[in-house]
C-alpha atoms as a PDB file:
ATOM      1  CA  MET A   1      77.891  20.528 -43.095  1.00  0.00           C
ATOM      2  CA  GLU A   2      81.384  19.979 -44.318  1.00  0.00           C
ATOM      3  CA  ALA A   3      82.917  22.167 -46.986  1.00  0.00           C
ATOM      4  CA  SER A   4      82.784  20.768 -50.484  1.00  0.00           C
ATOM      5  CA  SER A   5      85.437  20.659 -53.162  1.00  0.00           C
ATOM      6  CA  GLU A   6      82.696  21.372 -55.735  1.00  0.00           C
ATOM      7  CA  GLU A   7      82.374  24.846 -57.173  1.00  0.00           C
ATOM      8  CA  LYS A   8      80.070  27.022 -55.104  1.00  0.00           C
ATOM      9  CA  ALA A   9      76.880  28.242 -56.741  1.00  0.00           C
ATOM     10  CA  GLU A  10      76.630  31.980 -57.279  1.00  0.00           C
ATOM     11  CA  PHE A  11      73.254  33.419 -56.389  1.00  0.00           C
ATOM     12  CA  ASP A  12      71.540  36.334 -54.728  1.00  0.00           C
ATOM     13  CA  GLU A  13      69.375  35.892 -51.646  1.00  0.00           C
ATOM     14  CA  ALA A  14      66.385  37.178 -53.647  1.00  0.00           C
ATOM     15  CA  GLU A  15      66.702  34.128 -55.926  1.00  0.00           C
ATOM     16  CA  ILE A  16      65.913  31.728 -53.069  1.00  0.00           C
ATOM     17  CA  GLU A  17      62.379  30.766 -52.039  1.00  0.00           C
ATOM     18  CA  TYR A  18      61.400  28.670 -49.015  1.00  0.00           C
ATOM     19  CA  VAL A  19      58.353  26.550 -49.781  1.00  0.00           C
ATOM     20  CA  SER A  20      56.175  24.423 -47.522  1.00  0.00           C
ATOM     21  CA  TYR A  21      55.558  20.780 -48.282  1.00  0.00           C
ATOM     22  CA  GLY A  22      52.496  20.750 -50.496  1.00  0.00           C
ATOM     23  CA  GLY A  23      51.709  17.121 -51.240  1.00  0.00           C
ATOM     24  CA  GLU A  24      52.792  13.941 -52.988  1.00  0.00           C
ATOM     25  CA  HIS A  25      54.329  15.857 -55.904  1.00  0.00           C
ATOM     26  CA  HIS A  26      56.986  17.216 -53.498  1.00  0.00           C
ATOM     27  CA  LEU A  27      57.920  13.795 -52.149  1.00  0.00           C
ATOM     28  CA  PRO A  28      60.281  12.791 -55.025  1.00  0.00           C
ATOM     29  CA  LEU A  29      62.186  16.066 -54.545  1.00  0.00           C
ATOM     30  CA  ILE A  30      62.782  15.333 -50.870  1.00  0.00           C
ATOM     31  CA  MET A  31      63.703  11.713 -51.560  1.00  0.00           C
ATOM     32  CA  ASN A  32      66.193  12.624 -54.287  1.00  0.00           C
ATOM     33  CA  LEU A  33      67.939  15.201 -52.089  1.00  0.00           C
ATOM     34  CA  VAL A  34      68.206  12.908 -49.075  1.00  0.00           C
ATOM     35  CA  ASP A  35      69.302   9.873 -51.091  1.00  0.00           C
ATOM     36  CA  GLN A  36      71.920  11.999 -52.829  1.00  0.00           C
ATOM     37  CA  GLU A  37      73.438  13.673 -49.775  1.00  0.00           C
ATOM     38  CA  LEU A  38      72.839  11.585 -46.626  1.00  0.00           C
ATOM     39  CA  SER A  39      74.533   8.322 -45.687  1.00  0.00           C
ATOM     40  CA  GLU A  40      71.422   6.562 -44.346  1.00  0.00           C
ATOM     41  CA  PRO A  41      68.976   4.897 -46.791  1.00  0.00           C
ATOM     42  CA  TYR A  42      65.260   5.438 -46.201  1.00  0.00           C
ATOM     43  CA  SER A  43      62.221   3.714 -47.689  1.00  0.00           C
ATOM     44  CA  ILE A  44      59.352   5.682 -49.170  1.00  0.00           C
ATOM     45  CA  PHE A  45      57.269   4.654 -46.147  1.00  0.00           C
ATOM     46  CA  THR A  46      59.682   6.469 -43.839  1.00  0.00           C
ATOM     47  CA  TYR A  47      59.341   9.671 -45.851  1.00  0.00           C
ATOM     48  CA  ARG A  48      55.561   9.379 -45.927  1.00  0.00           C
ATOM     49  CA  TYR A  49      55.444   8.803 -42.176  1.00  0.00           C
ATOM     50  CA  PHE A  50      57.016  12.214 -41.599  1.00  0.00           C
ATOM     51  CA  VAL A  51      55.450  14.344 -44.331  1.00  0.00           C
ATOM     52  CA  TYR A  52      51.918  12.928 -44.016  1.00  0.00           C
ATOM     53  CA  LEU A  53      51.694  13.275 -40.235  1.00  0.00           C
ATOM     54  CA  TRP A  54      53.657  16.520 -39.860  1.00  0.00           C
ATOM     55  CA  PRO A  55      53.465  18.396 -43.201  1.00  0.00           C
ATOM     56  CA  GLN A  56      53.773  21.724 -41.382  1.00  0.00           C
ATOM     57  CA  LEU A  57      57.293  20.738 -40.261  1.00  0.00           C
ATOM     58  CA  SER A  58      58.743  19.936 -43.704  1.00  0.00           C
ATOM     59  CA  PHE A  59      60.267  22.638 -45.915  1.00  0.00           C
ATOM     60  CA  LEU A  60      62.012  22.870 -49.293  1.00  0.00           C
ATOM     61  CA  VAL A  61      64.143  25.569 -50.929  1.00  0.00           C
ATOM     62  CA  ILE A  62      63.744  26.754 -54.539  1.00  0.00           C
ATOM     63  CA  SER A  63      66.310  28.753 -56.486  1.00  0.00           C
ATOM     64  CA  TYR A  64      65.547  30.984 -59.487  1.00  0.00           C
ATOM     65  CA  PHE A  65      67.561  32.579 -62.268  1.00  0.00           C
ATOM     66  CA  PRO A  66      68.350  36.225 -61.425  1.00  0.00           C
ATOM     67  CA  PHE A  67      66.278  37.462 -64.358  1.00  0.00           C
ATOM     68  CA  PHE A  68      63.275  35.249 -63.582  1.00  0.00           C
ATOM     69  CA  PRO A  69      60.391  37.811 -63.516  1.00  0.00           C
ATOM     70  CA  PHE A  70      58.512  38.131 -60.258  1.00  0.00           C
ATOM     71  CA  CYS A  71      55.120  37.373 -61.809  1.00  0.00           C
ATOM     72  CA  PHE A  72      56.453  34.140 -63.319  1.00  0.00           C
ATOM     73  CA  ARG A  73      57.955  33.213 -59.952  1.00  0.00           C
ATOM     74  CA  ILE A  74      54.509  33.551 -58.360  1.00  0.00           C
ATOM     75  CA  LEU A  75      52.904  31.419 -61.077  1.00  0.00           C
ATOM     76  CA  PHE A  76      55.721  28.889 -60.763  1.00  0.00           C
ATOM     77  CA  LEU A  77      55.131  28.572 -57.013  1.00  0.00           C
ATOM     78  CA  LEU A  78      51.379  28.224 -57.463  1.00  0.00           C
ATOM     79  CA  PHE A  79      51.514  25.503 -60.090  1.00  0.00           C
ATOM     80  CA  TYR A  80      54.523  23.823 -58.468  1.00  0.00           C
ATOM     81  CA  ASN A  81      52.450  23.389 -55.325  1.00  0.00           C
ATOM     82  CA  GLY A  82      49.572  21.831 -57.232  1.00  0.00           C
ATOM     83  CA  PHE A  83      47.319  24.862 -57.542  1.00  0.00           C
ATOM     84  CA  HIS A  84      44.703  25.199 -60.276  1.00  0.00           C
ATOM     85  CA  PRO A  85      44.060  28.714 -61.693  1.00  0.00           C
ATOM     86  CA  LYS A  86      40.463  28.633 -60.406  1.00  0.00           C
ATOM     87  CA  PHE A  87      41.792  28.753 -56.816  1.00  0.00           C
ATOM     88  CA  LEU A  88      43.018  32.286 -57.457  1.00  0.00           C
ATOM     89  CA  PHE A  89      39.426  33.498 -57.818  1.00  0.00           C
ATOM     90  CA  PHE A  90      37.826  31.717 -54.881  1.00  0.00           C
ATOM     91  CA  PRO A  91      38.876  33.096 -51.469  1.00  0.00           C
ATOM     92  CA  PRO A  92      39.854  32.354 -48.824  1.00  0.00           C
ATOM     93  CA  PHE A  93      43.242  31.662 -50.422  1.00  0.00           C
ATOM     94  CA  LYS A  94      45.655  29.975 -47.989  1.00  0.00           C
ATOM     95  CA  PRO A  95      49.146  29.546 -49.478  1.00  0.00           C
ATOM     96  CA  ILE A  96      50.785  26.186 -49.037  1.00  0.00           C
ATOM     97  CA  ILE A  97      53.935  28.088 -48.037  1.00  0.00           C
ATOM     98  CA  GLU A  98      52.668  27.996 -44.445  1.00  0.00           C
ATOM     99  CA  LYS A  99      53.385  24.266 -44.217  1.00  0.00           C
ATOM    100  CA  ASN A 100      56.568  22.184 -44.670  1.00  0.00           C
ATOM    101  CA  LYS A 101      59.523  23.988 -46.253  1.00  0.00           C
ATOM    102  CA  GLN A 102      61.973  23.376 -49.084  1.00  0.00           C
ATOM    103  CA  ALA A 103      64.537  25.517 -50.919  1.00  0.00           C
ATOM    104  CA  PHE A 104      64.866  26.035 -54.681  1.00  0.00           C
ATOM    105  CA  HIS A 105      67.258  27.829 -57.080  1.00  0.00           C
ATOM    106  CA  ASN A 106      66.939  28.274 -60.862  1.00  0.00           C
ATOM    107  CA  GLY A 107      63.661  26.399 -60.539  1.00  0.00           C
ATOM    108  CA  LYS A 108      65.268  23.435 -58.786  1.00  0.00           C
ATOM    109  CA  CYS A 109      65.076  22.168 -55.243  1.00  0.00           C
ATOM    110  CA  VAL A 110      68.376  22.748 -53.443  1.00  0.00           C
ATOM    111  CA  GLY A 111      67.504  21.994 -49.818  1.00  0.00           C
ATOM    112  CA  THR A 112      64.969  20.429 -47.488  1.00  0.00           C
ATOM    113  CA  VAL A 113      64.248  19.709 -43.833  1.00  0.00           C
ATOM    114  CA  VAL A 114      61.870  17.031 -42.501  1.00  0.00           C
ATOM    115  CA  CYS A 115      60.734  16.904 -38.865  1.00  0.00           C
ATOM    116  CA  LYS A 116      58.146  15.502 -36.503  1.00  0.00           C
ATOM    117  CA  MET A 117      56.857  16.164 -32.986  1.00  0.00           C
ATOM    118  CA  GLY A 118      55.034  14.250 -30.279  1.00  0.00           C
ATOM    119  CA  GLU A 119      55.052  12.966 -26.708  1.00  0.00           C
ATOM    120  CA  HIS A 120      58.266  11.373 -25.473  1.00  0.00           C
ATOM    121  CA  ARG A 121      58.612  10.338 -21.829  1.00  0.00           C
ATOM    122  CA  ASN A 122      56.192  12.975 -20.573  1.00  0.00           C
ATOM    123  CA  THR A 123      57.824  15.634 -22.757  1.00  0.00           C
ATOM    124  CA  PHE A 124      56.364  17.132 -25.922  1.00  0.00           C
ATOM    125  CA  ARG A 125      59.392  16.885 -28.187  1.00  0.00           C
ATOM    126  CA  GLY A 126      60.276  18.015 -31.680  1.00  0.00           C
ATOM    127  CA  TYR A 127      62.630  15.925 -33.798  1.00  0.00           C
ATOM    128  CA  ILE A 128      64.666  16.908 -36.871  1.00  0.00           C
ATOM    129  CA  ALA A 129      64.872  13.757 -38.970  1.00  0.00           C
ATOM    130  CA  MET A 130      66.531  14.999 -42.177  1.00  0.00           C
ATOM    131  CA  LEU A 131      68.333  18.168 -43.214  1.00  0.00           C
ATOM    132  CA  VAL A 132      69.910  18.512 -46.643  1.00  0.00           C
ATOM    133  CA  VAL A 133      71.395  21.361 -48.664  1.00  0.00           C
ATOM    134  CA  ILE A 134      73.193  20.342 -51.839  1.00  0.00           C
ATOM    135  CA  LYS A 135      76.915  21.049 -51.733  1.00  0.00           C
ATOM    136  CA  PRO A 136      77.198  24.046 -54.094  1.00  0.00           C
ATOM    137  CA  TYR A 137      74.666  25.929 -51.946  1.00  0.00           C
ATOM    138  CA  ARG A 138      76.164  25.298 -48.529  1.00  0.00           C
ATOM    139  CA  GLY A 139      77.722  28.017 -46.414  1.00  0.00           C
ATOM    140  CA  ARG A 140      75.136  30.658 -47.352  1.00  0.00           C
ATOM    141  CA  GLY A 141      72.716  30.248 -44.446  1.00  0.00           C
ATOM    142  CA  ILE A 142      70.130  28.074 -46.197  1.00  0.00           C
ATOM    143  CA  ALA A 143      70.426  25.195 -43.721  1.00  0.00           C
ATOM    144  CA  THR A 144      70.246  27.625 -40.797  1.00  0.00           C
ATOM    145  CA  GLU A 145      67.080  29.176 -42.220  1.00  0.00           C
ATOM    146  CA  LEU A 146      65.449  25.771 -42.774  1.00  0.00           C
ATOM    147  CA  VAL A 147      66.210  24.623 -39.225  1.00  0.00           C
ATOM    148  CA  THR A 148      65.154  27.958 -37.734  1.00  0.00           C
ATOM    149  CA  ARG A 149      61.778  27.832 -39.469  1.00  0.00           C
ATOM    150  CA  SER A 150      61.178  24.299 -38.231  1.00  0.00           C
ATOM    151  CA  ILE A 151      62.230  25.160 -34.676  1.00  0.00           C
ATOM    152  CA  ARG A 152      59.931  28.185 -34.647  1.00  0.00           C
ATOM    153  CA  MET A 153      57.014  26.031 -35.788  1.00  0.00           C
ATOM    154  CA  MET A 154      57.744  23.409 -33.130  1.00  0.00           C
ATOM    155  CA  MET A 155      58.029  26.038 -30.404  1.00  0.00           C
ATOM    156  CA  GLU A 156      54.720  27.619 -31.438  1.00  0.00           C
ATOM    157  CA  SER A 157      53.154  24.134 -31.356  1.00  0.00           C
ATOM    158  CA  GLY A 158      54.124  23.690 -27.710  1.00  0.00           C
ATOM    159  CA  CYS A 159      57.302  21.620 -27.928  1.00  0.00           C
ATOM    160  CA  GLU A 160      59.538  21.750 -24.862  1.00  0.00           C
ATOM    161  CA  GLU A 161      62.664  20.563 -26.658  1.00  0.00           C
ATOM    162  CA  VAL A 162      64.050  19.546 -30.050  1.00  0.00           C
ATOM    163  CA  THR A 163      66.421  16.643 -30.666  1.00  0.00           C
ATOM    164  CA  LEU A 164      68.302  15.090 -33.568  1.00  0.00           C
ATOM    165  CA  GLU A 165      71.265  12.856 -34.334  1.00  0.00           C
ATOM    166  CA  ALA A 166      74.353  13.955 -36.271  1.00  0.00           C
ATOM    167  CA  GLU A 167      77.475  12.033 -37.263  1.00  0.00           C
ATOM    168  CA  VAL A 168      80.423  12.801 -34.999  1.00  0.00           C
ATOM    169  CA  THR A 169      82.475  13.372 -38.156  1.00  0.00           C
ATOM    170  CA  ASN A 170      80.068  15.952 -39.611  1.00  0.00           C
ATOM    171  CA  LYS A 171      81.816  19.054 -38.307  1.00  0.00           C
ATOM    172  CA  GLY A 172      79.713  21.408 -40.395  1.00  0.00           C
ATOM    173  CA  ALA A 173      76.404  20.116 -39.050  1.00  0.00           C
ATOM    174  CA  LEU A 174      77.682  20.074 -35.467  1.00  0.00           C
ATOM    175  CA  ALA A 175      78.839  23.675 -35.822  1.00  0.00           C
ATOM    176  CA  LEU A 176      75.501  24.737 -37.322  1.00  0.00           C
ATOM    177  CA  TYR A 177      73.457  23.217 -34.528  1.00  0.00           C
ATOM    178  CA  GLY A 178      75.891  24.515 -31.935  1.00  0.00           C
ATOM    179  CA  ARG A 179      75.325  28.061 -33.173  1.00  0.00           C
ATOM    180  CA  LEU A 180      71.586  27.504 -32.779  1.00  0.00           C
ATOM    181  CA  GLY A 181      71.973  26.494 -29.139  1.00  0.00           C
ATOM    182  CA  PHE A 182      71.946  22.693 -29.339  1.00  0.00           C
ATOM    183  CA  ILE A 183      74.019  20.772 -26.805  1.00  0.00           C
ATOM    184  CA  ARG A 184      75.585  17.324 -27.136  1.00  0.00           C
ATOM    185  CA  ALA A 185      73.432  15.224 -24.832  1.00  0.00           C
ATOM    186  CA  LYS A 186      74.777  11.774 -25.636  1.00  0.00           C
ATOM    187  CA  ARG A 187      77.180   9.826 -27.851  1.00  0.00           C
ATOM    188  CA  LEU A 188      75.608   6.888 -29.686  1.00  0.00           C
ATOM    189  CA  TYR A 189      78.227   4.342 -30.694  1.00  0.00           C
ATOM    190  CA  HIS A 190      77.995   2.717 -34.148  1.00  0.00           C
ATOM    191  CA  TYR A 191      74.656   4.455 -34.606  1.00  0.00           C
ATOM    192  CA  TYR A 192      74.708   4.589 -38.403  1.00  0.00           C
ATOM    193  CA  LEU A 193      74.804   1.704 -40.849  1.00  0.00           C
ATOM    194  CA  ASN A 194      78.263   2.800 -41.972  1.00  0.00           C
ATOM    195  CA  GLY A 195      79.517   2.258 -38.418  1.00  0.00           C
ATOM    196  CA  VAL A 196      80.004   5.932 -37.586  1.00  0.00           C
ATOM    197  CA  ASP A 197      79.033   7.183 -34.111  1.00  0.00           C
ATOM    198  CA  ALA A 198      76.423   9.884 -33.622  1.00  0.00           C
ATOM    199  CA  PHE A 199      75.891  12.703 -31.168  1.00  0.00           C
ATOM    200  CA  ARG A 200      72.359  13.174 -29.931  1.00  0.00           C
ATOM    201  CA  LEU A 201      71.846  16.920 -29.919  1.00  0.00           C
ATOM    202  CA  LYS A 202      69.212  18.660 -27.859  1.00  0.00           C
ATOM    203  CA  LEU A 203      67.742  22.152 -27.761  1.00  0.00           C
ATOM    204  CA  LEU A 204      65.716  23.021 -24.657  1.00  0.00           C
ATOM    205  CA  PHE A 205      63.008  25.674 -24.708  1.00  0.00           C
ATOM    206  CA  PRO A 206      62.253  27.738 -21.578  1.00  0.00           C
ATOM    207  CA  ARG A 207      59.055  26.634 -19.869  1.00  0.00           C
ATOM    208  CA  GLN A 208      56.138  28.992 -20.489  1.00  0.00           C
ATOM    209  CA  GLU A 209      55.897  30.008 -16.838  1.00  0.00           C
ATOM    210  CA  LEU A 210      59.648  30.724 -16.830  1.00  0.00           C
ATOM    211  CA  GLN A 211      59.283  32.801 -19.991  1.00  0.00           C
ATOM    212  CA  HIS A 212      56.491  34.755 -18.335  1.00  0.00           C
ATOM    213  CA  SER A 213      58.495  35.370 -15.141  1.00  0.00           C
ATOM    214  CA  VAL A 214      61.565  36.471 -17.090  1.00  0.00           C
ATOM    215  CA  LEU A 215      59.439  38.858 -19.161  1.00  0.00           C
ATOM    216  CA  THR A 216      57.831  40.237 -15.983  1.00  0.00           C
ATOM    217  CA  MET A 217      61.216  40.801 -14.349  1.00  0.00           C
ATOM    218  CA  THR A 218      62.530  42.491 -17.485  1.00  0.00           C
ATOM    219  CA  ASN A 219      59.542  44.835 -17.663  1.00  0.00           C
ATOM    220  CA  ARG A 220      59.895  45.644 -13.946  1.00  0.00           C
ATOM    221  CA  GLU A 221      63.575  46.476 -14.335  1.00  0.00           C
ATOM    222  CA  GLU A 222      62.846  48.702 -17.319  1.00  0.00           C
ATOM    223  CA  SER A 223      60.115  50.468 -15.315  1.00  0.00           C
ATOM    224  CA  ASN A 224      62.493  51.068 -12.397  1.00  0.00           C
ATOM    225  CA  GLU A 225      65.120  52.522 -14.746  1.00  0.00           C
ATOM    226  CA  HIS A 226      62.612  55.061 -16.054  1.00  0.00           C
ATOM    227  CA  THR A 227      61.618  56.160 -12.539  1.00  0.00           C
ATOM    228  CA  HIS A 228      65.206  56.893 -11.423  1.00  0.00           C
END
């Protein structure tokens, strides 16, 4: 994402929490971030399509004040995700944090990623639909962490590749995805409503049998080194 002329937010990494999508009460947060930062308009039905079908692939980021006590942070997360106190006393207790993610600071949402996955031309593919970090919080690794968490979830779910589109003018986003191993697979002319072209970016995962063979070869080489 491109550098901003706005003043950068000062915060410690411990003040940032990554939270999974927990239900309808998180939807306005995602919508506000995307509408504020991205050039493409989306209807509420588009958002619901992604978060209802693939909640485990959506994340938000919360930021806290430095002095915000740990116990209050836990209570904040619980109630923010729609928990009732009685849930604390009835195991099993499965935190919503294992689902879609967001980022918050000082009790506010400062970033989000929304994805999906499914069959595409005989390939099980993951797709990053929306990635937003508000400008004062960019350049501190929040976007990288959001994307990495989503990619890890898609890989564990059996995806063979991940794709997305990014504006050709968005140097920051292109650099971020490039660092994560994405390649520019195709240029899409006049892809966005504002007339800007897009690059289709793609990240390929090694096939499981290839991963196994590479691991076997690595173990064999290590074994040979120990015997010489």
